[in-house]
Protein backbone atom coordinates (compact mmCIF):
# COMPACT_ATOMS: atom_id res chain seq x y z
CA MET A 1 17.60 -76.50 -94.31
CA ASN A 2 21.37 -76.87 -94.74
CA VAL A 3 23.26 -79.88 -96.00
CA VAL A 4 26.96 -80.67 -96.40
CA TRP A 5 27.95 -82.00 -99.81
CA ALA A 6 30.75 -82.56 -102.29
CA ALA A 7 30.27 -83.31 -105.97
CA THR A 8 31.70 -83.63 -109.42
CA SER A 9 32.62 -80.31 -111.00
CA PRO A 10 30.49 -79.67 -114.10
CA GLU A 11 33.38 -77.72 -115.64
CA SER A 12 36.15 -80.31 -115.26
CA GLY A 13 34.11 -83.49 -114.92
CA LEU A 14 36.28 -84.43 -111.93
CA PHE A 15 35.13 -84.99 -108.35
CA HIS A 16 35.77 -81.94 -106.17
CA PRO A 17 36.15 -83.45 -102.66
CA VAL A 18 35.98 -80.15 -100.75
CA GLU A 19 32.71 -80.16 -98.83
CA ARG A 20 30.43 -77.17 -98.82
CA CYS A 21 27.58 -76.39 -96.48
CA SER A 22 24.61 -74.82 -98.19
CA GLU A 23 20.88 -74.86 -98.67
CA VAL A 24 19.49 -78.01 -100.31
CA LYS A 25 18.64 -75.83 -103.34
CA ASP A 26 22.36 -75.40 -104.11
CA LEU A 27 22.82 -79.17 -104.04
CA SER A 28 19.78 -79.56 -106.32
CA ASP A 29 21.23 -76.99 -108.70
CA ARG A 30 24.54 -78.90 -108.85
CA PHE A 31 22.71 -82.18 -109.44
CA ASN A 32 20.77 -80.59 -112.31
CA GLU A 33 24.01 -79.25 -113.84
CA LEU A 34 25.58 -82.70 -113.61
CA ARG A 35 22.51 -84.34 -115.05
CA SER A 36 22.73 -82.06 -118.08
CA CYS A 37 26.36 -83.26 -118.44
CA GLY A 38 25.14 -86.87 -118.40
CA GLN A 39 26.93 -88.11 -115.30
CA GLY A 40 28.15 -87.23 -111.84
CA TYR A 41 28.98 -88.23 -108.29
CA VAL A 42 27.62 -86.58 -105.13
CA GLU A 43 28.27 -87.14 -101.41
CA VAL A 44 25.75 -85.77 -98.89
CA ARG A 45 25.60 -85.61 -95.08
CA SER A 46 24.09 -83.65 -92.24
CA PRO A 47 25.97 -80.50 -91.17
CA ASN A 48 26.19 -81.63 -87.56
CA ARG A 49 27.29 -85.27 -88.04
CA GLU A 50 30.11 -86.95 -89.94
CA PHE A 51 27.93 -90.01 -90.66
CA PRO A 52 25.79 -91.23 -92.28
CA VAL A 53 26.97 -90.15 -95.73
CA LEU A 54 24.81 -90.90 -98.74
CA THR A 55 26.41 -91.06 -102.18
CA LEU A 56 24.75 -90.87 -105.57
CA ALA A 57 26.66 -92.00 -108.65
CA PHE A 58 24.91 -91.73 -111.99
CA ARG A 59 25.39 -91.92 -115.71
CA ASP A 60 22.56 -91.14 -118.09
CA ASP A 61 19.36 -92.59 -116.55
CA HIS A 62 21.08 -95.11 -114.25
CA ALA A 63 22.17 -94.51 -110.67
CA VAL A 64 23.75 -96.30 -107.73
CA VAL A 65 23.29 -95.16 -104.12
CA HIS A 66 25.72 -96.01 -101.30
CA LEU A 67 25.35 -95.39 -97.59
CA MET A 68 28.38 -94.99 -95.32
CA ARG A 69 27.44 -95.47 -91.69
CA SER A 70 31.09 -95.18 -90.57
CA THR A 71 34.54 -95.42 -92.12
CA GLU A 72 34.26 -99.22 -91.85
CA ARG A 73 30.61 -99.82 -92.82
CA MET A 74 29.28 -99.25 -96.33
CA PHE A 75 25.95 -100.36 -97.78
CA LEU A 76 24.55 -100.45 -101.30
CA LEU A 77 20.89 -99.74 -102.01
CA VAL A 78 19.09 -102.60 -103.75
CA GLY A 79 18.05 -101.72 -107.31
CA ASP A 80 14.54 -101.02 -108.52
CA GLY A 81 14.49 -103.34 -111.57
CA THR A 82 15.46 -100.58 -113.99
CA VAL A 83 18.25 -102.81 -115.32
CA PRO A 84 18.07 -106.64 -115.48
CA SER A 85 20.08 -108.28 -112.67
CA GLY A 86 22.57 -109.89 -115.07
CA ALA A 87 23.36 -106.66 -116.93
CA GLU A 88 26.09 -104.24 -115.90
CA VAL A 89 26.05 -100.46 -115.76
CA GLU A 90 29.06 -98.18 -115.30
CA VAL A 91 28.77 -95.06 -113.14
CA PRO A 92 31.43 -92.67 -111.84
CA ILE A 93 32.59 -93.25 -108.27
CA ALA A 94 34.60 -90.10 -107.54
CA ASP A 95 36.78 -89.95 -110.70
CA ASP A 96 36.71 -93.59 -111.83
CA LEU A 97 34.04 -95.57 -113.62
CA ALA A 98 32.82 -98.60 -111.67
CA ALA A 99 30.59 -101.40 -112.94
CA PHE A 100 27.50 -102.51 -111.01
CA THR A 101 25.01 -105.24 -111.80
CA GLY A 102 21.35 -104.42 -112.28
CA ASP A 103 20.68 -105.73 -108.76
CA CYS A 104 21.81 -102.37 -107.40
CA VAL A 105 20.91 -99.95 -110.19
CA LEU A 106 18.07 -97.45 -109.85
CA ASN A 107 16.37 -95.03 -112.18
CA ILE A 108 18.00 -91.61 -111.79
CA ASP A 109 14.73 -89.87 -110.90
CA ARG A 110 14.01 -92.34 -108.11
CA ALA A 111 17.60 -92.17 -106.85
CA TRP A 112 17.52 -88.36 -106.71
CA ALA A 113 14.17 -88.43 -104.90
CA LEU A 114 15.76 -90.71 -102.27
CA VAL A 115 18.74 -88.38 -101.86
CA HIS A 116 16.42 -85.41 -101.53
CA ASN A 117 14.38 -87.31 -98.93
CA PHE A 118 17.61 -88.00 -97.01
CA THR A 119 18.45 -84.27 -96.99
CA GLN A 120 15.08 -83.57 -95.36
CA THR A 121 14.84 -86.45 -92.87
CA ARG A 122 18.53 -87.30 -92.25
CA ALA A 123 17.36 -90.94 -92.10
CA ALA A 124 18.59 -93.58 -94.55
CA GLY A 125 16.85 -96.67 -93.23
CA SER A 126 13.51 -95.79 -94.78
CA LEU A 127 14.97 -95.30 -98.28
CA GLY A 128 14.87 -98.98 -99.19
CA GLU A 129 16.68 -102.29 -98.72
CA TRP A 130 20.43 -102.05 -98.07
CA CYS A 131 23.14 -104.70 -98.62
CA GLU A 132 26.36 -104.40 -96.66
CA GLN A 133 29.49 -104.20 -98.80
């Protein structure tokens, strides 16, 4: 199954916004490379639709997942309790670090499993509770 994605470059550490269409395995390989670097940012969508786009931003064991339903509508996945709600975690969004409260932080393994599920089903609604941004 093919997927369209863009991600941080493991070599430069900068987001490479040029999308590529490939097998999910290539996306998984890139994610694993980024994980070994300690952080990264990935955007994923279906090859035949511009939206929805799912993004995964992570640093160490903490991740944040966004859903873009259109250019005007963005949602943030509710966290899984990995980080207390009052605490903040910084993750890379494209090339900048952004701070998020524990209310929207997930464990990296769970976040990746959700992204992988999205690549298979193309459905984001079943991934969890979303809050519009």
